Each structure stands twice: as structure tokens, then as C-alpha cells.
């Protein structure tokens, strides 16, 4: 990175505010998750791209790690490369659960140019989870970057069979607490019906809920937008689509197929 630290942080502060504004805008923010520089460049070439989000699962898979098991150094090296490729486009990083010291994790992410992040609560006790959110926001403020935290709650992913209404109540309680602690928006991944999404938005706030889309039975981006959702992302499914295409092509080539004429020179 060629900027001075002060210049870098001033530029990051602008990008962080841009990301926050995109979360709060009437039009839902669609972020297509990327996992390396070439996937980032392919998405950056699309005129609709207003922000990038990394997929932690996909980066981990690229380096041979299970989801949630990748060392922070490895993640940040790749994320920093994506940030450099993104230029003025804000980048939000998947930082798993923030690792042992979420404040230091946020500070190191800011150091490579990140302006926001997903950090999951893994259903830790609420007071502990709120303290971790507060630590991340404080770290951003100390660096002069209004960090746009997409605070993730695993109220549905780790429900372990509990009744849906309990997961809804838990997600709303946690979401309100995270917003109160300074989070920009609250990420509630899971296969959520329109009715559940509506309750989450009513409980946490308009444009304060972030969801994962593209799954079988999921709503469209426009439907999420109409319900008041602020952001939709797609997690590891983007990499799975790319790998499916690669594997299918490989099978075709083994069977004496040809590279499709529709293939574009994207690398």
C-alpha cells in the first residue's frame, strides 16, 4: 500500500461511511461474495458492484482449511490483496468469530484496508457477545475508521432444534443489543421465510437486518428489499457455482469436449 498511514485511514474512513450509507439506503445492498483477487476482479468489472464482501468459508477452502479453522494471518493476507484490487470500492471481510481478541483482529483488518466485517457470535452469552461488538467498534474508532460491523448472530444456524419463535426472539434480542453496542447492521443467516424476515425487521429495525440469499426457497433481492432488509450476501455459494462449472468442464474435456465458445477472458 502506497499511502501514508494517515492518508490510508482517511481514505478508509470515507469507504467505511460509504458502506454504512449503502446498508442504510432504501435500495438493498447486494454483495456477491469473493474469495481471491481474480474472483474479486470479475465482480468488480460489473457496473452494479458497489461493495465487495469476502466469503470466509471460500477463502478457507481455497487454502485447504475447514470453515472457521483458517489462521487469521492467512485470511488477512488474502483479504489485503482483495482490498488492493478493489481500489475505492469498500470491502467487508468475513472474520469468523473475531478470533481470541476481536479488537486486535479488527485493528489488523483495518491495517490491510478493510472497512467492515462479519463477526459471528456463535451464541456466546449475550453480555460477552455485546462486549466483543463494543471492542470491535472501539478498535475502529481508535484507528479513525468508523468500522461498519455486520454483527452476525447464529440464532438460527445453531438453533439445535429449538422452536422457531425462540430463535426469532433470541435474534431480535441479540440484534438490538449489537446495534446498541455500535454495530452497523445485524447478519441473521439461515433459511428464513418471509414471515420470519418480517418479524426480524420489525424487531431489529428497517435496513438493520442482513441475510443470506440464493439458497433453495430463499426470497429474491427485491423481496428482501420490500421487507426492509438492508443487505443480502451469498456466502460460499458463489464459489460452489464456480467449482461446479469447473468440475463439469473437466468431465466434458475428459470426454473429448471443447472449451465453450461463450468463455470470456476474465483472467
C-alpha atoms as a PDB file:
ATOM      1  CA  UNK A   1       0.000   0.000   0.000  1.00  0.00           C
ATOM      2  CA  UNK A   2       1.464   3.301  -1.099  1.00  0.00           C
ATOM      3  CA  UNK A   3      -0.411   5.753   1.125  1.00  0.00           C
ATOM      4  CA  UNK A   4       0.852   7.067   4.433  1.00  0.00           C
ATOM      5  CA  UNK A   5      -0.915   5.649   7.449  1.00  0.00           C
ATOM      6  CA  UNK A   6      -2.880   8.868   7.988  1.00  0.00           C
ATOM      7  CA  UNK A   7      -3.830   9.069   4.314  1.00  0.00           C
ATOM      8  CA  UNK A   8      -4.775   5.418   4.253  1.00  0.00           C
ATOM      9  CA  UNK A   9      -7.015   5.756   7.285  1.00  0.00           C
ATOM     10  CA  UNK A  10      -8.644   8.904   5.933  1.00  0.00           C
ATOM     11  CA  UNK A  11      -9.441   7.060   2.718  1.00  0.00           C
ATOM     12  CA  UNK A  12     -10.716   4.076   4.694  1.00  0.00           C
ATOM     13  CA  UNK A  13     -12.950   6.328   6.776  1.00  0.00           C
ATOM     14  CA  UNK A  14     -14.592   7.531   3.555  1.00  0.00           C
ATOM     15  CA  UNK A  15     -15.083   3.965   2.339  1.00  0.00           C
ATOM     16  CA  UNK A  16     -16.442   2.910   5.748  1.00  0.00           C
ATOM     17  CA  UNK A  17     -19.010   5.702   5.683  1.00  0.00           C
ATOM     18  CA  UNK A  18     -19.890   4.706   2.122  1.00  0.00           C
ATOM     19  CA  UNK A  19     -20.516   1.119   3.240  1.00  0.00           C
ATOM     20  CA  UNK A  20     -22.695   2.302   6.136  1.00  0.00           C
ATOM     21  CA  UNK A  21     -24.675   4.506   3.768  1.00  0.00           C
ATOM     22  CA  UNK A  22     -25.209   1.541   1.436  1.00  0.00           C
ATOM     23  CA  UNK A  23     -26.527  -0.517   4.366  1.00  0.00           C
ATOM     24  CA  UNK A  24     -28.989   2.227   5.302  1.00  0.00           C
ATOM     25  CA  UNK A  25     -30.130   3.177   1.787  1.00  0.00           C
ATOM     26  CA  UNK A  26     -33.680   2.372   0.607  1.00  0.00           C
ATOM     27  CA  UNK A  27     -32.217   0.106  -2.090  1.00  0.00           C
ATOM     28  CA  UNK A  28     -30.937  -3.180  -0.644  1.00  0.00           C
ATOM     29  CA  UNK A  29     -27.167  -3.720  -0.840  1.00  0.00           C
ATOM     30  CA  UNK A  30     -26.392  -6.856  -2.822  1.00  0.00           C
ATOM     31  CA  UNK A  31     -22.865  -8.146  -2.247  1.00  0.00           C
ATOM     32  CA  UNK A  32     -21.541 -11.043  -4.328  1.00  0.00           C
ATOM     33  CA  UNK A  33     -19.004 -12.833  -2.146  1.00  0.00           C
ATOM     34  CA  UNK A  34     -15.454 -13.275  -3.456  1.00  0.00           C
ATOM     35  CA  UNK A  35     -12.503 -15.315  -2.224  1.00  0.00           C
ATOM     36  CA  UNK A  36      -9.387 -14.216  -4.123  1.00  0.00           C
ATOM     37  CA  UNK A  37      -8.134 -11.454  -6.405  1.00  0.00           C
ATOM     38  CA  UNK A  38      -9.335 -12.941  -9.678  1.00  0.00           C
ATOM     39  CA  UNK A  39     -12.864 -13.553  -8.356  1.00  0.00           C
ATOM     40  CA  UNK A  40     -12.874 -10.014  -6.946  1.00  0.00           C
ATOM     41  CA  UNK A  41     -11.823  -8.545 -10.282  1.00  0.00           C
ATOM     42  CA  UNK A  42     -14.558 -10.477 -12.094  1.00  0.00           C
ATOM     43  CA  UNK A  43     -17.187  -8.949  -9.777  1.00  0.00           C
ATOM     44  CA  UNK A  44     -15.584  -5.502  -9.753  1.00  0.00           C
ATOM     45  CA  UNK A  45     -15.937  -5.422 -13.546  1.00  0.00           C
ATOM     46  CA  UNK A  46     -19.721  -5.439 -13.175  1.00  0.00           C
ATOM     47  CA  UNK A  47     -21.190  -1.912 -13.119  1.00  0.00           C
ATOM     48  CA  UNK A  48     -23.685  -2.910 -10.399  1.00  0.00           C
ATOM     49  CA  UNK A  49     -20.898  -3.584  -7.870  1.00  0.00           C
ATOM     50  CA  UNK A  50     -20.936  -1.030  -5.068  1.00  0.00           C
ATOM     51  CA  UNK A  51     -19.117  -3.027  -2.376  1.00  0.00           C
ATOM     52  CA  UNK A  52     -17.283  -6.326  -2.002  1.00  0.00           C
ATOM     53  CA  UNK A  53     -17.645  -8.939   0.711  1.00  0.00           C
ATOM     54  CA  UNK A  54     -15.261 -11.821   1.224  1.00  0.00           C
ATOM     55  CA  UNK A  55     -16.508 -15.328   1.998  1.00  0.00           C
ATOM     56  CA  UNK A  56     -14.543 -16.792   4.872  1.00  0.00           C
ATOM     57  CA  UNK A  57     -15.662 -20.332   4.060  1.00  0.00           C
ATOM     58  CA  UNK A  58     -14.456 -19.925   0.481  1.00  0.00           C
ATOM     59  CA  UNK A  59     -11.079 -18.443   1.430  1.00  0.00           C
ATOM     60  CA  UNK A  60     -10.566 -21.255   3.936  1.00  0.00           C
ATOM     61  CA  UNK A  61     -11.445 -23.871   1.301  1.00  0.00           C
ATOM     62  CA  UNK A  62      -9.017 -22.294  -1.158  1.00  0.00           C
ATOM     63  CA  UNK A  63      -6.174 -22.907   1.302  1.00  0.00           C
ATOM     64  CA  UNK A  64      -7.339 -26.353   2.382  1.00  0.00           C
ATOM     65  CA  UNK A  65      -8.850 -25.376   5.731  1.00  0.00           C
ATOM     66  CA  UNK A  66     -12.254 -26.219   7.157  1.00  0.00           C
ATOM     67  CA  UNK A  67     -14.608 -23.293   7.637  1.00  0.00           C
ATOM     68  CA  UNK A  68     -13.658 -21.441  10.808  1.00  0.00           C
ATOM     69  CA  UNK A  69     -10.238 -23.117  11.078  1.00  0.00           C
ATOM     70  CA  UNK A  70      -8.137 -20.849   8.857  1.00  0.00           C
ATOM     71  CA  UNK A  71      -5.379 -18.874  10.646  1.00  0.00           C
ATOM     72  CA  UNK A  72      -6.033 -15.145  10.817  1.00  0.00           C
ATOM     73  CA  UNK A  73      -2.722 -14.346   9.104  1.00  0.00           C
ATOM     74  CA  UNK A  74      -3.739 -16.362   6.054  1.00  0.00           C
ATOM     75  CA  UNK A  75      -7.161 -14.725   5.880  1.00  0.00           C
ATOM     76  CA  UNK A  76      -5.769 -11.209   6.218  1.00  0.00           C
ATOM     77  CA  UNK A  77      -3.118 -11.763   3.569  1.00  0.00           C
ATOM     78  CA  UNK A  78      -5.776 -12.695   1.022  1.00  0.00           C
ATOM     79  CA  UNK A  79      -8.206 -10.017   2.180  1.00  0.00           C
ATOM     80  CA  UNK A  80      -5.488  -7.389   1.861  1.00  0.00           C
ATOM     81  CA  UNK A  81      -4.842  -8.454  -1.722  1.00  0.00           C
ATOM     82  CA  UNK A  82      -8.574  -8.159  -2.465  1.00  0.00           C
ATOM     83  CA  UNK A  83      -8.653  -4.691  -0.894  1.00  0.00           C
ATOM     84  CA  UNK A  84      -5.753  -3.588  -3.086  1.00  0.00           C
ATOM     85  CA  UNK A  85      -7.596  -4.830  -6.174  1.00  0.00           C
ATOM     86  CA  UNK A  86     -10.810  -3.083  -5.103  1.00  0.00           C
ATOM     87  CA  UNK A  87      -9.428   0.455  -5.101  1.00  0.00           C
ATOM     88  CA  UNK A  88     -12.140   2.859  -3.905  1.00  0.00           C
ATOM     89  CA  UNK A  89     -14.772   0.117  -3.563  1.00  0.00           C
ATOM     90  CA  UNK A  90     -15.372  -0.680   0.137  1.00  0.00           C
ATOM     91  CA  UNK A  91     -14.506  -4.202   1.262  1.00  0.00           C
ATOM     92  CA  UNK A  92     -16.236  -6.026   4.106  1.00  0.00           C
ATOM     93  CA  UNK A  93     -14.362  -9.094   5.364  1.00  0.00           C
ATOM     94  CA  UNK A  94     -15.589 -12.312   6.934  1.00  0.00           C
ATOM     95  CA  UNK A  95     -13.526 -12.559  10.130  1.00  0.00           C
ATOM     96  CA  UNK A  96     -15.152 -15.690  11.581  1.00  0.00           C
ATOM     97  CA  UNK A  97     -15.856 -15.059  15.288  1.00  0.00           C
ATOM     98  CA  UNK A  98     -13.170 -12.398  15.672  1.00  0.00           C
ATOM     99  CA  UNK A  99     -10.643 -14.960  16.979  1.00  0.00           C
ATOM    100  CA  UNK A 100      -9.294 -14.690  20.541  1.00  0.00           C
ATOM    101  CA  UNK A 101      -9.071 -10.888  20.573  1.00  0.00           C
ATOM    102  CA  UNK A 102     -11.738  -9.316  18.349  1.00  0.00           C
ATOM    103  CA  UNK A 103     -10.407  -5.782  18.919  1.00  0.00           C
ATOM    104  CA  UNK A 104      -6.938  -6.764  17.710  1.00  0.00           C
ATOM    105  CA  UNK A 105      -8.468  -8.724  14.833  1.00  0.00           C
ATOM    106  CA  UNK A 106     -10.397  -5.621  13.757  1.00  0.00           C
ATOM    107  CA  UNK A 107      -7.306  -3.447  14.092  1.00  0.00           C
ATOM    108  CA  UNK A 108      -5.284  -5.812  11.906  1.00  0.00           C
ATOM    109  CA  UNK A 109      -8.107  -5.970   9.359  1.00  0.00           C
ATOM    110  CA  UNK A 110      -8.189  -2.183   9.227  1.00  0.00           C
ATOM    111  CA  UNK A 111      -4.424  -2.230   8.725  1.00  0.00           C
ATOM    112  CA  UNK A 112      -4.883  -4.123   5.440  1.00  0.00           C
ATOM    113  CA  UNK A 113      -7.642  -1.756   4.303  1.00  0.00           C
ATOM    114  CA  UNK A 114     -10.877  -3.419   5.434  1.00  0.00           C
ATOM    115  CA  UNK A 115     -13.730  -1.052   6.364  1.00  0.00           C
ATOM    116  CA  UNK A 116     -16.313  -3.505   7.701  1.00  0.00           C
ATOM    117  CA  UNK A 117     -16.683  -7.140   8.668  1.00  0.00           C
ATOM    118  CA  UNK A 118     -18.900 -10.060   9.549  1.00  0.00           C
ATOM    119  CA  UNK A 119     -18.126 -11.357  13.033  1.00  0.00           C
ATOM    120  CA  UNK A 120     -20.274 -14.196  14.337  1.00  0.00           C
ATOM    121  CA  UNK A 121     -21.424 -14.621  17.930  1.00  0.00           C
ATOM    122  CA  UNK A 122     -21.575 -18.452  17.938  1.00  0.00           C
ATOM    123  CA  UNK A 123     -24.301 -17.909  20.561  1.00  0.00           C
ATOM    124  CA  UNK A 124     -21.881 -16.910  23.297  1.00  0.00           C
ATOM    125  CA  UNK A 125     -23.626 -15.440  26.347  1.00  0.00           C
ATOM    126  CA  UNK A 126     -25.227 -12.144  25.354  1.00  0.00           C
ATOM    127  CA  UNK A 127     -23.119  -9.973  27.658  1.00  0.00           C
ATOM    128  CA  UNK A 128     -19.914 -11.482  26.277  1.00  0.00           C
ATOM    129  CA  UNK A 129     -21.116 -11.089  22.694  1.00  0.00           C
ATOM    130  CA  UNK A 130     -22.024  -7.435  23.269  1.00  0.00           C
ATOM    131  CA  UNK A 131     -18.628  -6.769  24.827  1.00  0.00           C
ATOM    132  CA  UNK A 132     -16.937  -8.224  21.747  1.00  0.00           C
ATOM    133  CA  UNK A 133     -19.006  -5.970  19.466  1.00  0.00           C
ATOM    134  CA  UNK A 134     -18.096  -2.954  21.602  1.00  0.00           C
ATOM    135  CA  UNK A 135     -14.408  -3.902  21.407  1.00  0.00           C
ATOM    136  CA  UNK A 136     -14.501  -4.087  17.601  1.00  0.00           C
ATOM    137  CA  UNK A 137     -16.207  -0.697  17.287  1.00  0.00           C
ATOM    138  CA  UNK A 138     -13.769   0.867  19.757  1.00  0.00           C
ATOM    139  CA  UNK A 139     -10.829  -0.509  17.794  1.00  0.00           C
ATOM    140  CA  UNK A 140     -12.168   1.082  14.625  1.00  0.00           C
ATOM    141  CA  UNK A 141     -12.688   4.414  16.339  1.00  0.00           C
ATOM    142  CA  UNK A 142      -9.158   4.302  17.723  1.00  0.00           C
ATOM    143  CA  UNK A 143      -7.866   3.844  14.163  1.00  0.00           C
ATOM    144  CA  UNK A 144     -10.037   6.670  12.837  1.00  0.00           C
ATOM    145  CA  UNK A 145     -12.237   4.283  10.843  1.00  0.00           C
ATOM    146  CA  UNK A 146     -15.999   4.098  11.592  1.00  0.00           C
ATOM    147  CA  UNK A 147     -15.991   0.324  11.172  1.00  0.00           C
ATOM    148  CA  UNK A 148     -19.187  -0.949   9.520  1.00  0.00           C
ATOM    149  CA  UNK A 149     -19.738  -4.120  11.538  1.00  0.00           C
ATOM    150  CA  UNK A 150     -22.200  -6.671  10.143  1.00  0.00           C
ATOM    151  CA  UNK A 151     -22.669  -8.376  13.505  1.00  0.00           C
ATOM    152  CA  UNK A 152     -23.727 -11.954  12.896  1.00  0.00           C
ATOM    153  CA  UNK A 153     -25.936 -13.913  15.229  1.00  0.00           C
ATOM    154  CA  UNK A 154     -26.171 -17.681  14.906  1.00  0.00           C
ATOM    155  CA  UNK A 155     -29.623 -17.751  16.466  1.00  0.00           C
ATOM    156  CA  UNK A 156     -30.900 -19.894  13.586  1.00  0.00           C
ATOM    157  CA  UNK A 157     -27.753 -21.720  12.459  1.00  0.00           C
ATOM    158  CA  UNK A 158     -27.135 -23.034  15.988  1.00  0.00           C
ATOM    159  CA  UNK A 159     -30.780 -23.450  16.976  1.00  0.00           C
ATOM    160  CA  UNK A 160     -30.313 -27.189  17.660  1.00  0.00           C
ATOM    161  CA  UNK A 161     -33.987 -27.949  17.163  1.00  0.00           C
ATOM    162  CA  UNK A 162     -35.442 -25.304  19.454  1.00  0.00           C
ATOM    163  CA  UNK A 163     -38.788 -23.789  18.400  1.00  0.00           C
ATOM    164  CA  UNK A 164     -38.573 -21.157  15.668  1.00  0.00           C
ATOM    165  CA  UNK A 165     -40.223 -18.500  17.813  1.00  0.00           C
ATOM    166  CA  UNK A 166     -37.396 -18.852  20.358  1.00  0.00           C
ATOM    167  CA  UNK A 167     -34.792 -18.326  17.652  1.00  0.00           C
ATOM    168  CA  UNK A 168     -36.689 -15.261  16.414  1.00  0.00           C
ATOM    169  CA  UNK A 169     -36.809 -13.796  19.920  1.00  0.00           C
ATOM    170  CA  UNK A 170     -33.126 -14.571  20.504  1.00  0.00           C
ATOM    171  CA  UNK A 171     -32.097 -12.998  17.183  1.00  0.00           C
ATOM    172  CA  UNK A 172     -34.099  -9.856  17.943  1.00  0.00           C
ATOM    173  CA  UNK A 173     -32.706  -9.516  21.464  1.00  0.00           C
ATOM    174  CA  UNK A 174     -29.155 -10.003  20.235  1.00  0.00           C
ATOM    175  CA  UNK A 175     -29.665  -7.810  17.200  1.00  0.00           C
ATOM    176  CA  UNK A 176     -30.957  -4.898  19.244  1.00  0.00           C
ATOM    177  CA  UNK A 177     -28.080  -5.278  21.676  1.00  0.00           C
ATOM    178  CA  UNK A 178     -25.485  -5.349  18.881  1.00  0.00           C
ATOM    179  CA  UNK A 179     -26.947  -2.258  17.232  1.00  0.00           C
ATOM    180  CA  UNK A 180     -26.924  -0.565  20.627  1.00  0.00           C
ATOM    181  CA  UNK A 181     -23.252  -1.518  21.005  1.00  0.00           C
ATOM    182  CA  UNK A 182     -22.374   0.172  17.711  1.00  0.00           C
ATOM    183  CA  UNK A 183     -22.865  -2.481  15.031  1.00  0.00           C
ATOM    184  CA  UNK A 184     -23.939  -1.119  11.678  1.00  0.00           C
ATOM    185  CA  UNK A 185     -26.280  -3.964  10.773  1.00  0.00           C
ATOM    186  CA  UNK A 186     -27.119  -7.465  12.062  1.00  0.00           C
ATOM    187  CA  UNK A 187     -26.497 -10.581   9.961  1.00  0.00           C
ATOM    188  CA  UNK A 188     -29.027 -13.371  10.589  1.00  0.00           C
ATOM    189  CA  UNK A 189     -28.054 -16.278   8.309  1.00  0.00           C
ATOM    190  CA  UNK A 190     -30.368 -19.215   7.794  1.00  0.00           C
ATOM    191  CA  UNK A 191     -33.258 -20.370   5.644  1.00  0.00           C
ATOM    192  CA  UNK A 192     -35.753 -17.720   6.664  1.00  0.00           C
ATOM    193  CA  UNK A 193     -39.339 -17.403   5.480  1.00  0.00           C
ATOM    194  CA  UNK A 194     -40.827 -14.059   4.518  1.00  0.00           C
ATOM    195  CA  UNK A 195     -42.761 -14.032   7.792  1.00  0.00           C
ATOM    196  CA  UNK A 196     -39.616 -14.599   9.845  1.00  0.00           C
ATOM    197  CA  UNK A 197     -37.746 -11.889   7.940  1.00  0.00           C
ATOM    198  CA  UNK A 198     -40.649  -9.511   8.544  1.00  0.00           C
ATOM    199  CA  UNK A 199     -40.529 -10.184  12.287  1.00  0.00           C
ATOM    200  CA  UNK A 200     -36.758  -9.685  12.387  1.00  0.00           C
ATOM    201  CA  UNK A 201     -37.004  -6.344  10.596  1.00  0.00           C
ATOM    202  CA  UNK A 202     -39.839  -5.216  12.863  1.00  0.00           C
ATOM    203  CA  UNK A 203     -37.823  -6.239  15.921  1.00  0.00           C
ATOM    204  CA  UNK A 204     -34.342  -5.030  14.962  1.00  0.00           C
ATOM    205  CA  UNK A 205     -35.109  -2.166  12.601  1.00  0.00           C
ATOM    206  CA  UNK A 206     -35.580  -1.143   8.977  1.00  0.00           C
ATOM    207  CA  UNK A 207     -32.363  -1.617   6.980  1.00  0.00           C
ATOM    208  CA  UNK A 208     -30.744  -3.089  10.087  1.00  0.00           C
ATOM    209  CA  UNK A 209     -31.047  -6.763   9.068  1.00  0.00           C
ATOM    210  CA  UNK A 210     -28.659  -8.608   6.759  1.00  0.00           C
ATOM    211  CA  UNK A 211     -29.500 -12.021   5.282  1.00  0.00           C
ATOM    212  CA  UNK A 212     -28.009 -14.700   3.073  1.00  0.00           C
ATOM    213  CA  UNK A 213     -29.737 -15.237  -0.256  1.00  0.00           C
ATOM    214  CA  UNK A 214     -29.652 -17.550  -3.220  1.00  0.00           C
ATOM    215  CA  UNK A 215     -30.439 -20.724  -1.265  1.00  0.00           C
ATOM    216  CA  UNK A 216     -33.277 -23.002  -2.392  1.00  0.00           C
ATOM    217  CA  UNK A 217     -36.504 -21.408  -1.278  1.00  0.00           C
ATOM    218  CA  UNK A 218     -34.885 -18.072  -0.464  1.00  0.00           C
ATOM    219  CA  UNK A 219     -36.539 -14.799  -1.365  1.00  0.00           C
ATOM    220  CA  UNK A 220     -35.277 -12.616  -4.180  1.00  0.00           C
ATOM    221  CA  UNK A 221     -33.281  -9.476  -3.525  1.00  0.00           C
ATOM    222  CA  UNK A 222     -36.298  -7.372  -4.453  1.00  0.00           C
ATOM    223  CA  UNK A 223     -38.490  -9.293  -1.996  1.00  0.00           C
ATOM    224  CA  UNK A 224     -35.960  -8.798   0.802  1.00  0.00           C
ATOM    225  CA  UNK A 225     -35.785  -5.106  -0.073  1.00  0.00           C
ATOM    226  CA  UNK A 226     -39.576  -4.770   0.148  1.00  0.00           C
ATOM    227  CA  UNK A 227     -39.449  -6.313   3.637  1.00  0.00           C
ATOM    228  CA  UNK A 228     -36.925  -3.702   4.806  1.00  0.00           C
ATOM    229  CA  UNK A 229     -33.740  -5.811   4.724  1.00  0.00           C
ATOM    230  CA  UNK A 230     -30.571  -3.741   4.329  1.00  0.00           C
ATOM    231  CA  UNK A 231     -28.118  -6.245   2.846  1.00  0.00           C
ATOM    232  CA  UNK A 232     -28.103  -9.622   1.134  1.00  0.00           C
ATOM    233  CA  UNK A 233     -24.987 -11.714   0.553  1.00  0.00           C
ATOM    234  CA  UNK A 234     -24.396 -15.202  -0.798  1.00  0.00           C
ATOM    235  CA  UNK A 235     -21.626 -16.758   1.291  1.00  0.00           C
ATOM    236  CA  UNK A 236     -19.782 -19.795  -0.087  1.00  0.00           C
ATOM    237  CA  UNK A 237     -22.411 -20.493  -2.758  1.00  0.00           C
ATOM    238  CA  UNK A 238     -20.643 -18.245  -5.280  1.00  0.00           C
ATOM    239  CA  UNK A 239     -17.502 -20.367  -5.069  1.00  0.00           C
ATOM    240  CA  UNK A 240     -19.586 -23.534  -5.265  1.00  0.00           C
ATOM    241  CA  UNK A 241     -21.138 -22.341  -8.521  1.00  0.00           C
ATOM    242  CA  UNK A 242     -17.662 -21.616  -9.922  1.00  0.00           C
ATOM    243  CA  UNK A 243     -16.339 -25.012  -8.819  1.00  0.00           C
ATOM    244  CA  UNK A 244     -19.380 -26.794 -10.223  1.00  0.00           C
ATOM    245  CA  UNK A 245     -18.719 -25.175 -13.599  1.00  0.00           C
ATOM    246  CA  UNK A 246     -15.045 -26.197 -13.400  1.00  0.00           C
ATOM    247  CA  UNK A 247     -15.833 -29.792 -12.471  1.00  0.00           C
ATOM    248  CA  UNK A 248     -18.466 -30.069 -15.216  1.00  0.00           C
ATOM    249  CA  UNK A 249     -15.999 -28.647 -17.727  1.00  0.00           C
ATOM    250  CA  UNK A 250     -13.378 -31.143 -16.584  1.00  0.00           C
ATOM    251  CA  UNK A 251     -15.774 -34.040 -17.138  1.00  0.00           C
ATOM    252  CA  UNK A 252     -16.578 -32.676 -20.598  1.00  0.00           C
ATOM    253  CA  UNK A 253     -12.899 -32.308 -21.516  1.00  0.00           C
ATOM    254  CA  UNK A 254     -12.157 -35.851 -20.343  1.00  0.00           C
ATOM    255  CA  UNK A 255     -14.916 -36.935 -22.718  1.00  0.00           C
ATOM    256  CA  UNK A 256     -13.230 -35.081 -25.622  1.00  0.00           C
ATOM    257  CA  UNK A 257     -15.336 -31.963 -25.208  1.00  0.00           C
ATOM    258  CA  UNK A 258     -14.293 -28.423 -26.105  1.00  0.00           C
ATOM    259  CA  UNK A 259     -13.984 -25.191 -24.179  1.00  0.00           C
ATOM    260  CA  UNK A 260     -17.353 -23.401 -24.651  1.00  0.00           C
ATOM    261  CA  UNK A 261     -17.275 -20.580 -27.177  1.00  0.00           C
ATOM    262  CA  UNK A 262     -19.051 -18.379 -24.640  1.00  0.00           C
ATOM    263  CA  UNK A 263     -15.986 -18.424 -22.364  1.00  0.00           C
ATOM    264  CA  UNK A 264     -14.696 -14.911 -21.618  1.00  0.00           C
ATOM    265  CA  UNK A 265     -11.080 -13.923 -20.914  1.00  0.00           C
ATOM    266  CA  UNK A 266     -11.600 -12.912 -17.284  1.00  0.00           C
ATOM    267  CA  UNK A 267      -8.112 -13.773 -16.043  1.00  0.00           C
END
